[in-house]
Amino acid sequence: MRIIAGTFRSRSLQAPPGLATRPTSDRLRETLFNVLAPRIQGAVFLDLYAGSGAVGIEALSRGAVLVDFVERAPAALAVMRANLTRLGLTAGFRIHAGSVATVLRRMKPEPAAAFDLVFLDPPYDATEEYAATLGLLGGSLAALLTPGAMVIAEHRRKERLEIQYGALERTRLLEQGDAALSFYQSSSAAD
């Protein structure tokens, strides 16, 4: 794995050993950030199910001002911290250890620190995590998002996510190989 562009372009990243964490491929990450390019500079970014931290680190490399990483697996947390240290990053991010639902419910909605972009990539076999997380962000925890925020879910191409989760409505679906990216925005922002 490597960082595609920005300040840390071409720097390599480590992934946790084993099959429990499935890193977003370089190619899919490049596609994701090509779409996000006009929105990433100065953004507050939330990387859910962060694994090695590759997506959030890519966001920092491309100009996000703050990235919140959420991960509960100890091995993935150790690799993420090592990746951040290896790049010399000491600020501009926060790491939250715990389950996504628990961490999200503990976050305080603060307009100055609301999220512009949210990326979620739960384990493919944890299909219930998609509905649960998107449901929270489109419902009771929508205040964590800025007006017009974009929420992106990486999932199996054959796994079809709902078109709408509360106030979040899918505006775009990109498929690449066996993976897909579903892009959601608040219904009011998508109009």
N, C-alpha and C. Protein backbone atom coordinates (compact mmCIF):
# COMPACT_ATOMS: atom_id res chain seq x y z
N MET A 1 0.83 -1.18 0.00
CA MET A 1 0.00 0.00 0.00
C MET A 1 0.87 1.24 0.00
N ARG A 2 0.40 2.25 -0.71
CA ARG A 2 1.14 3.50 -0.75
C ARG A 2 0.16 4.66 -0.74
N ILE A 3 0.65 5.84 -0.40
CA ILE A 3 -0.15 7.06 -0.47
C ILE A 3 -0.11 7.53 -1.91
N ILE A 4 -1.28 7.84 -2.45
CA ILE A 4 -1.40 8.12 -3.87
C ILE A 4 -0.90 9.53 -4.23
N ALA A 5 -1.29 10.55 -3.46
CA ALA A 5 -0.96 11.93 -3.84
C ALA A 5 -0.85 12.81 -2.60
N GLY A 6 -0.39 14.04 -2.84
CA GLY A 6 -0.31 15.01 -1.76
C GLY A 6 1.06 15.04 -1.10
N THR A 7 1.08 15.57 0.11
CA THR A 7 2.30 15.76 0.87
C THR A 7 3.12 14.49 1.03
N PHE A 8 2.46 13.36 1.24
CA PHE A 8 3.14 12.09 1.50
C PHE A 8 3.12 11.15 0.30
N ARG A 9 2.95 11.70 -0.89
CA ARG A 9 2.83 10.90 -2.11
C ARG A 9 3.95 9.85 -2.21
N SER A 10 3.55 8.65 -2.59
CA SER A 10 4.43 7.50 -2.83
C SER A 10 5.01 6.88 -1.57
N ARG A 11 4.73 7.42 -0.40
CA ARG A 11 5.21 6.81 0.83
C ARG A 11 4.42 5.54 1.07
N SER A 12 5.07 4.51 1.55
CA SER A 12 4.38 3.24 1.76
C SER A 12 3.77 3.17 3.15
N LEU A 13 2.72 2.37 3.24
CA LEU A 13 2.00 2.13 4.48
C LEU A 13 1.97 0.64 4.76
N GLN A 14 1.90 0.31 6.02
CA GLN A 14 1.79 -1.09 6.42
C GLN A 14 0.31 -1.43 6.62
N ALA A 15 -0.02 -2.70 6.47
CA ALA A 15 -1.37 -3.21 6.74
C ALA A 15 -1.28 -4.23 7.86
N PRO A 16 -2.34 -4.35 8.66
CA PRO A 16 -2.32 -5.37 9.71
C PRO A 16 -2.18 -6.76 9.10
N PRO A 17 -1.49 -7.66 9.79
CA PRO A 17 -1.35 -9.02 9.26
C PRO A 17 -2.69 -9.76 9.31
N GLY A 18 -2.81 -10.78 8.48
CA GLY A 18 -4.01 -11.62 8.50
C GLY A 18 -5.11 -11.07 7.61
N LEU A 19 -6.25 -11.72 7.66
CA LEU A 19 -7.36 -11.38 6.79
C LEU A 19 -8.47 -10.61 7.50
N ALA A 20 -8.30 -10.31 8.78
CA ALA A 20 -9.35 -9.62 9.53
C ALA A 20 -9.55 -8.19 9.03
N THR A 21 -8.50 -7.56 8.54
CA THR A 21 -8.59 -6.21 8.00
C THR A 21 -8.31 -6.27 6.51
N ARG A 22 -9.21 -5.68 5.72
CA ARG A 22 -9.10 -5.67 4.28
C ARG A 22 -8.88 -4.23 3.84
N PRO A 23 -7.63 -3.84 3.58
CA PRO A 23 -7.35 -2.45 3.20
C PRO A 23 -7.99 -2.08 1.86
N THR A 24 -8.42 -0.84 1.76
CA THR A 24 -8.93 -0.31 0.49
C THR A 24 -7.76 -0.30 -0.49
N SER A 25 -7.97 -0.87 -1.67
CA SER A 25 -6.88 -0.96 -2.65
C SER A 25 -6.43 0.43 -3.08
N ASP A 26 -5.18 0.53 -3.51
CA ASP A 26 -4.64 1.80 -4.00
C ASP A 26 -5.51 2.34 -5.13
N ARG A 27 -5.93 1.47 -6.03
CA ARG A 27 -6.72 1.89 -7.19
C ARG A 27 -8.08 2.46 -6.77
N LEU A 28 -8.75 1.78 -5.83
CA LEU A 28 -10.05 2.25 -5.38
C LEU A 28 -9.90 3.55 -4.57
N ARG A 29 -8.84 3.64 -3.78
CA ARG A 29 -8.57 4.87 -3.02
C ARG A 29 -8.33 6.04 -3.98
N GLU A 30 -7.61 5.78 -5.08
CA GLU A 30 -7.37 6.82 -6.07
C GLU A 30 -8.69 7.28 -6.69
N THR A 31 -9.56 6.34 -7.01
CA THR A 31 -10.88 6.68 -7.56
C THR A 31 -11.67 7.52 -6.56
N LEU A 32 -11.68 7.09 -5.30
CA LEU A 32 -12.39 7.82 -4.25
C LEU A 32 -11.90 9.26 -4.16
N PHE A 33 -10.60 9.44 -4.10
CA PHE A 33 -10.06 10.79 -3.93
C PHE A 33 -10.12 11.63 -5.20
N ASN A 34 -10.23 11.01 -6.35
CA ASN A 34 -10.50 11.78 -7.57
C ASN A 34 -11.87 12.44 -7.47
N VAL A 35 -12.85 11.72 -6.92
CA VAL A 35 -14.19 12.28 -6.73
C VAL A 35 -14.17 13.35 -5.64
N LEU A 36 -13.43 13.10 -4.56
CA LEU A 36 -13.41 14.02 -3.42
C LEU A 36 -12.49 15.23 -3.62
N ALA A 37 -11.67 15.23 -4.66
CA ALA A 37 -10.66 16.28 -4.85
C ALA A 37 -11.16 17.70 -4.62
N PRO A 38 -12.32 18.10 -5.15
CA PRO A 38 -12.74 19.49 -4.93
C PRO A 38 -13.17 19.79 -3.49
N ARG A 39 -13.35 18.75 -2.68
CA ARG A 39 -13.88 18.95 -1.32
C ARG A 39 -12.87 18.66 -0.21
N ILE A 40 -11.70 18.12 -0.54
CA ILE A 40 -10.81 17.60 0.50
C ILE A 40 -9.98 18.69 1.18
N GLN A 41 -9.57 19.71 0.45
CA GLN A 41 -8.73 20.77 1.03
C GLN A 41 -9.49 21.47 2.16
N GLY A 42 -8.93 21.43 3.37
CA GLY A 42 -9.54 22.08 4.53
C GLY A 42 -10.68 21.31 5.16
N ALA A 43 -10.94 20.08 4.73
CA ALA A 43 -12.07 19.29 5.23
C ALA A 43 -11.78 18.66 6.59
N VAL A 44 -12.84 18.42 7.33
CA VAL A 44 -12.79 17.61 8.55
C VAL A 44 -13.33 16.24 8.13
N PHE A 45 -12.51 15.22 8.29
CA PHE A 45 -12.73 13.89 7.70
C PHE A 45 -12.89 12.85 8.81
N LEU A 46 -13.85 11.98 8.66
CA LEU A 46 -14.08 10.89 9.61
C LEU A 46 -13.86 9.57 8.90
N ASP A 47 -12.89 8.79 9.37
CA ASP A 47 -12.54 7.49 8.80
C ASP A 47 -13.02 6.41 9.75
N LEU A 48 -14.17 5.79 9.42
CA LEU A 48 -14.78 4.75 10.27
C LEU A 48 -14.31 3.37 9.83
N TYR A 49 -14.10 2.49 10.79
CA TYR A 49 -13.53 1.15 10.51
C TYR A 49 -12.19 1.38 9.82
N ALA A 50 -11.34 2.19 10.40
CA ALA A 50 -10.17 2.76 9.75
C ALA A 50 -9.06 1.76 9.41
N GLY A 51 -9.00 0.63 10.09
CA GLY A 51 -7.95 -0.35 9.79
C GLY A 51 -6.57 0.26 9.90
N SER A 52 -5.79 0.21 8.84
CA SER A 52 -4.42 0.73 8.84
C SER A 52 -4.38 2.26 8.82
N GLY A 53 -5.52 2.89 8.57
CA GLY A 53 -5.56 4.34 8.49
C GLY A 53 -5.28 4.89 7.11
N ALA A 54 -5.16 4.02 6.09
CA ALA A 54 -4.75 4.45 4.76
C ALA A 54 -5.65 5.53 4.16
N VAL A 55 -6.97 5.40 4.33
CA VAL A 55 -7.88 6.39 3.73
C VAL A 55 -7.75 7.73 4.45
N GLY A 56 -7.75 7.72 5.77
CA GLY A 56 -7.61 8.96 6.52
C GLY A 56 -6.26 9.62 6.31
N ILE A 57 -5.21 8.81 6.22
CA ILE A 57 -3.87 9.36 5.96
C ILE A 57 -3.82 9.98 4.56
N GLU A 58 -4.47 9.34 3.60
CA GLU A 58 -4.56 9.92 2.25
C GLU A 58 -5.27 11.27 2.31
N ALA A 59 -6.33 11.37 3.13
CA ALA A 59 -7.05 12.64 3.29
C ALA A 59 -6.12 13.71 3.87
N LEU A 60 -5.34 13.36 4.89
CA LEU A 60 -4.37 14.31 5.46
C LEU A 60 -3.33 14.72 4.43
N SER A 61 -2.84 13.77 3.66
CA SER A 61 -1.84 14.05 2.65
C SER A 61 -2.35 15.04 1.61
N ARG A 62 -3.66 14.97 1.36
CA ARG A 62 -4.27 15.83 0.33
C ARG A 62 -4.86 17.12 0.87
N GLY A 63 -4.69 17.41 2.16
CA GLY A 63 -5.08 18.71 2.67
C GLY A 63 -6.22 18.76 3.66
N ALA A 64 -6.74 17.63 4.12
CA ALA A 64 -7.75 17.67 5.18
C ALA A 64 -7.11 18.29 6.42
N VAL A 65 -7.86 19.10 7.16
CA VAL A 65 -7.29 19.76 8.34
C VAL A 65 -7.37 18.89 9.59
N LEU A 66 -8.30 17.95 9.60
CA LEU A 66 -8.46 17.07 10.75
C LEU A 66 -9.06 15.76 10.29
N VAL A 67 -8.50 14.66 10.79
CA VAL A 67 -9.05 13.33 10.52
C VAL A 67 -9.29 12.64 11.85
N ASP A 68 -10.49 12.13 12.03
CA ASP A 68 -10.81 11.29 13.18
C ASP A 68 -10.83 9.85 12.68
N PHE A 69 -10.01 9.00 13.28
CA PHE A 69 -9.95 7.58 12.94
C PHE A 69 -10.73 6.81 14.01
N VAL A 70 -11.57 5.87 13.58
CA VAL A 70 -12.30 5.02 14.52
C VAL A 70 -12.01 3.57 14.15
N GLU A 71 -11.45 2.84 15.11
CA GLU A 71 -11.09 1.42 14.89
C GLU A 71 -11.11 0.73 16.24
N ARG A 72 -11.52 -0.53 16.25
CA ARG A 72 -11.53 -1.24 17.54
C ARG A 72 -10.53 -2.39 17.61
N ALA A 73 -10.04 -2.90 16.49
CA ALA A 73 -9.12 -4.04 16.50
C ALA A 73 -7.73 -3.59 16.97
N PRO A 74 -7.21 -4.19 18.05
CA PRO A 74 -5.90 -3.78 18.58
C PRO A 74 -4.77 -3.86 17.55
N ALA A 75 -4.75 -4.91 16.72
CA ALA A 75 -3.68 -5.04 15.73
C ALA A 75 -3.75 -3.91 14.71
N ALA A 76 -4.95 -3.57 14.26
CA ALA A 76 -5.11 -2.49 13.29
C ALA A 76 -4.73 -1.15 13.93
N LEU A 77 -5.12 -0.93 15.17
CA LEU A 77 -4.76 0.31 15.87
C LEU A 77 -3.24 0.47 15.97
N ALA A 78 -2.55 -0.62 16.26
CA ALA A 78 -1.09 -0.57 16.38
C ALA A 78 -0.45 -0.22 15.04
N VAL A 79 -0.94 -0.82 13.95
CA VAL A 79 -0.40 -0.53 12.63
C VAL A 79 -0.71 0.91 12.22
N MET A 80 -1.93 1.37 12.51
CA MET A 80 -2.32 2.75 12.19
C MET A 80 -1.39 3.74 12.90
N ARG A 81 -1.18 3.52 14.20
CA ARG A 81 -0.29 4.42 14.95
C ARG A 81 1.13 4.39 14.39
N ALA A 82 1.59 3.19 14.02
CA ALA A 82 2.93 3.07 13.43
C ALA A 82 3.01 3.80 12.09
N ASN A 83 1.96 3.71 11.27
CA ASN A 83 1.94 4.43 9.99
C ASN A 83 2.00 5.94 10.21
N LEU A 84 1.23 6.44 11.15
CA LEU A 84 1.24 7.88 11.44
C LEU A 84 2.61 8.33 11.96
N THR A 85 3.20 7.53 12.84
CA THR A 85 4.52 7.84 13.38
C THR A 85 5.58 7.83 12.28
N ARG A 86 5.55 6.81 11.43
CA ARG A 86 6.53 6.68 10.34
C ARG A 86 6.49 7.90 9.41
N LEU A 87 5.31 8.51 9.26
CA LEU A 87 5.16 9.69 8.41
C LEU A 87 5.49 10.99 9.15
N GLY A 88 5.73 10.87 10.46
CA GLY A 88 6.06 12.05 11.25
C GLY A 88 4.84 12.89 11.61
N LEU A 89 3.65 12.30 11.51
CA LEU A 89 2.42 13.03 11.85
C LEU A 89 2.21 13.01 13.36
N THR A 90 2.09 14.20 13.93
CA THR A 90 1.86 14.30 15.37
C THR A 90 0.62 15.13 15.69
N ALA A 91 0.04 15.75 14.68
CA ALA A 91 -1.14 16.60 14.88
C ALA A 91 -2.06 16.46 13.67
N GLY A 92 -3.28 16.98 13.83
CA GLY A 92 -4.23 16.95 12.71
C GLY A 92 -5.08 15.69 12.68
N PHE A 93 -4.98 14.88 13.72
CA PHE A 93 -5.78 13.66 13.76
C PHE A 93 -6.10 13.29 15.20
N ARG A 94 -7.15 12.49 15.34
CA ARG A 94 -7.53 11.90 16.63
C ARG A 94 -7.86 10.45 16.37
N ILE A 95 -7.45 9.59 17.29
CA ILE A 95 -7.73 8.16 17.18
C ILE A 95 -8.72 7.79 18.27
N HIS A 96 -9.80 7.14 17.87
CA HIS A 96 -10.82 6.67 18.80
C HIS A 96 -10.83 5.14 18.75
N ALA A 97 -10.48 4.51 19.87
CA ALA A 97 -10.47 3.05 19.94
C ALA A 97 -11.83 2.59 20.47
N GLY A 98 -12.52 1.78 19.70
CA GLY A 98 -13.81 1.26 20.12
C GLY A 98 -14.69 0.99 18.93
N SER A 99 -15.88 0.47 19.20
CA SER A 99 -16.81 0.18 18.10
C SER A 99 -17.33 1.50 17.52
N VAL A 100 -17.64 1.47 16.25
CA VAL A 100 -18.09 2.68 15.56
C VAL A 100 -19.34 3.25 16.22
N ALA A 101 -20.33 2.42 16.48
CA ALA A 101 -21.58 2.93 17.08
C ALA A 101 -21.32 3.59 18.43
N THR A 102 -20.51 2.96 19.26
CA THR A 102 -20.22 3.52 20.58
C THR A 102 -19.48 4.84 20.47
N VAL A 103 -18.46 4.91 19.63
CA VAL A 103 -17.68 6.14 19.47
C VAL A 103 -18.56 7.25 18.91
N LEU A 104 -19.37 6.95 17.88
CA LEU A 104 -20.24 7.98 17.30
C LEU A 104 -21.20 8.54 18.34
N ARG A 105 -21.78 7.67 19.15
CA ARG A 105 -22.74 8.12 20.16
C ARG A 105 -22.08 8.98 21.24
N ARG A 106 -20.79 8.81 21.45
CA ARG A 106 -20.06 9.61 22.45
C ARG A 106 -19.61 10.96 21.92
N MET A 107 -19.56 11.10 20.60
CA MET A 107 -19.10 12.37 20.01
C MET A 107 -20.14 13.46 20.26
N LYS A 108 -19.64 14.63 20.57
CA LYS A 108 -20.50 15.79 20.81
C LYS A 108 -20.61 16.60 19.52
N PRO A 109 -21.84 16.86 19.07
CA PRO A 109 -21.97 17.70 17.86
C PRO A 109 -21.45 19.11 18.12
N GLU A 110 -20.40 19.48 17.42
CA GLU A 110 -19.81 20.82 17.52
C GLU A 110 -19.72 21.39 16.11
N PRO A 111 -20.42 22.48 15.84
CA PRO A 111 -20.39 23.03 14.47
C PRO A 111 -18.98 23.25 13.94
N ALA A 112 -18.05 23.67 14.78
CA ALA A 112 -16.68 23.93 14.33
C ALA A 112 -15.93 22.65 14.00
N ALA A 113 -16.36 21.51 14.55
CA ALA A 113 -15.67 20.25 14.32
C ALA A 113 -16.57 19.22 13.67
N ALA A 114 -17.68 19.67 13.05
CA ALA A 114 -18.56 18.74 12.35
C ALA A 114 -17.83 18.19 11.13
N PHE A 115 -18.24 17.03 10.69
CA PHE A 115 -17.53 16.34 9.61
C PHE A 115 -18.06 16.74 8.23
N ASP A 116 -17.13 17.07 7.35
CA ASP A 116 -17.46 17.39 5.95
C ASP A 116 -17.53 16.12 5.12
N LEU A 117 -16.66 15.16 5.45
CA LEU A 117 -16.56 13.92 4.70
C LEU A 117 -16.45 12.75 5.68
N VAL A 118 -17.20 11.70 5.39
CA VAL A 118 -17.16 10.49 6.22
C VAL A 118 -16.95 9.31 5.29
N PHE A 119 -15.99 8.46 5.63
CA PHE A 119 -15.74 7.23 4.87
C PHE A 119 -15.94 6.06 5.81
N LEU A 120 -16.72 5.06 5.36
CA LEU A 120 -16.88 3.87 6.17
C LEU A 120 -16.64 2.64 5.33
N ASP A 121 -15.91 1.72 5.91
CA ASP A 121 -15.52 0.49 5.23
C ASP A 121 -15.51 -0.64 6.25
N PRO A 122 -16.72 -1.03 6.72
CA PRO A 122 -16.75 -2.14 7.68
C PRO A 122 -16.34 -3.44 7.01
N PRO A 123 -16.02 -4.46 7.81
CA PRO A 123 -15.73 -5.77 7.20
C PRO A 123 -16.90 -6.18 6.30
N TYR A 124 -16.60 -6.66 5.12
CA TYR A 124 -17.65 -7.00 4.16
C TYR A 124 -18.69 -7.96 4.74
N ASP A 125 -18.26 -8.86 5.62
CA ASP A 125 -19.20 -9.83 6.17
C ASP A 125 -20.08 -9.24 7.27
N ALA A 126 -19.77 -8.04 7.73
CA ALA A 126 -20.56 -7.39 8.77
C ALA A 126 -21.59 -6.47 8.10
N THR A 127 -22.46 -7.06 7.27
CA THR A 127 -23.40 -6.26 6.48
C THR A 127 -24.32 -5.41 7.33
N GLU A 128 -24.61 -5.85 8.55
CA GLU A 128 -25.49 -5.07 9.43
C GLU A 128 -24.86 -3.74 9.83
N GLU A 129 -23.53 -3.65 9.77
CA GLU A 129 -22.83 -2.41 10.14
C GLU A 129 -23.15 -1.27 9.17
N TYR A 130 -23.38 -1.59 7.90
CA TYR A 130 -23.71 -0.54 6.93
C TYR A 130 -25.00 0.17 7.33
N ALA A 131 -26.06 -0.61 7.51
CA ALA A 131 -27.36 -0.02 7.86
C ALA A 131 -27.30 0.69 9.20
N ALA A 132 -26.62 0.09 10.16
CA ALA A 132 -26.54 0.69 11.50
C ALA A 132 -25.82 2.04 11.45
N THR A 133 -24.66 2.07 10.81
CA THR A 133 -23.86 3.30 10.78
C THR A 133 -24.50 4.37 9.91
N LEU A 134 -24.94 3.99 8.71
CA LEU A 134 -25.59 4.97 7.84
C LEU A 134 -26.89 5.46 8.46
N GLY A 135 -27.59 4.57 9.16
CA GLY A 135 -28.82 4.96 9.85
C GLY A 135 -28.56 5.99 10.94
N LEU A 136 -27.49 5.80 11.71
CA LEU A 136 -27.13 6.78 12.75
C LEU A 136 -26.78 8.14 12.13
N LEU A 137 -25.96 8.12 11.08
CA LEU A 137 -25.51 9.37 10.46
C LEU A 137 -26.64 10.08 9.71
N GLY A 138 -27.62 9.33 9.25
CA GLY A 138 -28.76 9.93 8.56
C GLY A 138 -29.92 10.22 9.49
N GLY A 139 -29.76 9.84 10.76
CA GLY A 139 -30.84 10.00 11.72
C GLY A 139 -30.41 10.76 12.95
N SER A 140 -30.35 10.04 14.08
CA SER A 140 -30.13 10.69 15.38
C SER A 140 -28.78 11.40 15.51
N LEU A 141 -27.79 11.02 14.71
CA LEU A 141 -26.47 11.65 14.82
C LEU A 141 -26.13 12.54 13.63
N ALA A 142 -27.16 12.97 12.89
CA ALA A 142 -26.94 13.82 11.72
C ALA A 142 -26.26 15.14 12.09
N ALA A 143 -26.38 15.57 13.35
CA ALA A 143 -25.75 16.82 13.79
C ALA A 143 -24.22 16.73 13.79
N LEU A 144 -23.67 15.53 13.65
CA LEU A 144 -22.22 15.38 13.55
C LEU A 144 -21.70 15.81 12.18
N LEU A 145 -22.62 16.01 11.22
CA LEU A 145 -22.25 16.34 9.84
C LEU A 145 -22.51 17.80 9.53
N THR A 146 -21.66 18.38 8.69
CA THR A 146 -21.89 19.74 8.22
C THR A 146 -23.02 19.71 7.18
N PRO A 147 -23.68 20.84 6.94
CA PRO A 147 -24.65 20.87 5.84
C PRO A 147 -23.94 20.53 4.54
N GLY A 148 -24.49 19.63 3.77
CA GLY A 148 -23.87 19.23 2.51
C GLY A 148 -22.77 18.20 2.65
N ALA A 149 -22.59 17.64 3.85
CA ALA A 149 -21.55 16.63 4.06
C ALA A 149 -21.77 15.44 3.13
N MET A 150 -20.70 14.77 2.80
CA MET A 150 -20.77 13.57 1.97
C MET A 150 -20.33 12.37 2.82
N VAL A 151 -21.09 11.30 2.72
CA VAL A 151 -20.79 10.05 3.42
C VAL A 151 -20.60 8.99 2.36
N ILE A 152 -19.44 8.31 2.39
CA ILE A 152 -19.11 7.31 1.38
C ILE A 152 -18.93 5.96 2.05
N ALA A 153 -19.58 4.95 1.49
CA ALA A 153 -19.46 3.58 2.00
C ALA A 153 -18.81 2.70 0.95
N GLU A 154 -17.74 2.02 1.35
CA GLU A 154 -17.14 1.01 0.48
C GLU A 154 -17.79 -0.33 0.81
N HIS A 155 -18.19 -1.06 -0.21
CA HIS A 155 -18.87 -2.34 0.01
C HIS A 155 -18.62 -3.27 -1.17
N ARG A 156 -19.02 -4.53 -1.00
CA ARG A 156 -18.94 -5.47 -2.11
C ARG A 156 -19.84 -4.99 -3.24
N ARG A 157 -19.37 -5.18 -4.44
CA ARG A 157 -20.17 -4.78 -5.60
C ARG A 157 -21.54 -5.46 -5.61
N LYS A 158 -21.55 -6.73 -5.23
CA LYS A 158 -22.83 -7.48 -5.26
C LYS A 158 -23.73 -7.14 -4.07
N GLU A 159 -23.19 -6.47 -3.06
CA GLU A 159 -23.98 -6.06 -1.88
C GLU A 159 -24.63 -4.72 -2.18
N ARG A 160 -25.92 -4.70 -2.28
CA ARG A 160 -26.63 -3.47 -2.61
C ARG A 160 -27.07 -2.77 -1.33
N LEU A 161 -26.60 -1.55 -1.16
CA LEU A 161 -27.02 -0.73 -0.03
C LEU A 161 -28.31 -0.01 -0.41
N GLU A 162 -29.02 0.46 0.61
CA GLU A 162 -30.26 1.19 0.37
C GLU A 162 -29.97 2.51 -0.32
N ILE A 163 -30.96 3.04 -1.00
CA ILE A 163 -30.83 4.34 -1.66
C ILE A 163 -30.88 5.46 -0.62
N GLN A 164 -31.59 5.22 0.50
CA GLN A 164 -31.73 6.26 1.51
C GLN A 164 -31.66 5.65 2.90
N TYR A 165 -30.97 6.38 3.79
CA TYR A 165 -30.91 6.06 5.22
C TYR A 165 -31.27 7.35 5.95
N GLY A 166 -32.51 7.48 6.38
CA GLY A 166 -32.94 8.71 7.02
C GLY A 166 -32.73 9.88 6.08
N ALA A 167 -31.99 10.89 6.52
CA ALA A 167 -31.74 12.09 5.71
C ALA A 167 -30.64 11.89 4.67
N LEU A 168 -29.95 10.74 4.70
CA LEU A 168 -28.89 10.48 3.72
C LEU A 168 -29.47 9.80 2.48
N GLU A 169 -29.18 10.39 1.32
CA GLU A 169 -29.66 9.84 0.07
C GLU A 169 -28.48 9.57 -0.86
N ARG A 170 -28.47 8.37 -1.47
CA ARG A 170 -27.37 8.05 -2.38
C ARG A 170 -27.45 8.92 -3.62
N THR A 171 -26.32 9.54 -3.95
CA THR A 171 -26.25 10.40 -5.11
C THR A 171 -25.37 9.81 -6.22
N ARG A 172 -24.58 8.79 -5.87
CA ARG A 172 -23.67 8.22 -6.85
C ARG A 172 -23.25 6.84 -6.41
N LEU A 173 -23.06 5.95 -7.38
CA LEU A 173 -22.55 4.60 -7.13
C LEU A 173 -21.45 4.34 -8.14
N LEU A 174 -20.24 4.08 -7.63
CA LEU A 174 -19.11 3.74 -8.50
C LEU A 174 -18.71 2.30 -8.23
N GLU A 175 -18.55 1.52 -9.28
CA GLU A 175 -18.15 0.13 -9.13
C GLU A 175 -16.79 -0.07 -9.79
N GLN A 176 -15.94 -0.83 -9.08
CA GLN A 176 -14.59 -1.09 -9.58
C GLN A 176 -14.19 -2.47 -9.13
N GLY A 177 -14.03 -3.39 -10.08
CA GLY A 177 -13.71 -4.77 -9.71
C GLY A 177 -14.82 -5.36 -8.86
N ASP A 178 -14.45 -5.96 -7.73
CA ASP A 178 -15.43 -6.56 -6.82
C ASP A 178 -15.95 -5.56 -5.80
N ALA A 179 -15.44 -4.33 -5.81
CA ALA A 179 -15.81 -3.33 -4.81
C ALA A 179 -16.70 -2.25 -5.42
N ALA A 180 -17.39 -1.54 -4.54
CA ALA A 180 -18.22 -0.42 -4.96
C ALA A 180 -18.12 0.68 -3.91
N LEU A 181 -18.37 1.91 -4.34
CA LEU A 181 -18.43 3.06 -3.45
C LEU A 181 -19.81 3.69 -3.63
N SER A 182 -20.55 3.79 -2.53
CA SER A 182 -21.84 4.47 -2.53
C SER A 182 -21.65 5.82 -1.86
N PHE A 183 -22.02 6.89 -2.57
CA PHE A 183 -21.87 8.26 -2.08
C PHE A 183 -23.24 8.76 -1.63
N TYR A 184 -23.31 9.26 -0.40
CA TYR A 184 -24.55 9.77 0.17
C TYR A 184 -24.39 11.23 0.58
N GLN A 185 -25.49 11.98 0.46
CA GLN A 185 -25.56 13.33 0.99
C GLN A 185 -26.90 13.50 1.67
N SER A 186 -26.97 14.50 2.52
CA SER A 186 -28.23 14.82 3.16
C SER A 186 -29.26 15.13 2.09
N SER A 187 -30.48 14.62 2.24
CA SER A 187 -31.54 14.84 1.25
C SER A 187 -31.69 16.31 0.92
N SER A 188 -31.64 17.16 1.92
CA SER A 188 -31.80 18.59 1.67
C SER A 188 -30.63 19.16 0.90
N ALA A 189 -29.42 18.60 1.09
CA ALA A 189 -28.24 19.09 0.36
C ALA A 189 -28.20 18.57 -1.07
N ALA A 190 -28.84 17.42 -1.32
CA ALA A 190 -28.78 16.82 -2.65
C ALA A 190 -29.73 17.51 -3.61
N ASP A 191 -30.69 18.27 -3.12
CA ASP A 191 -31.67 18.95 -3.98
C ASP A 191 -31.07 20.12 -4.72
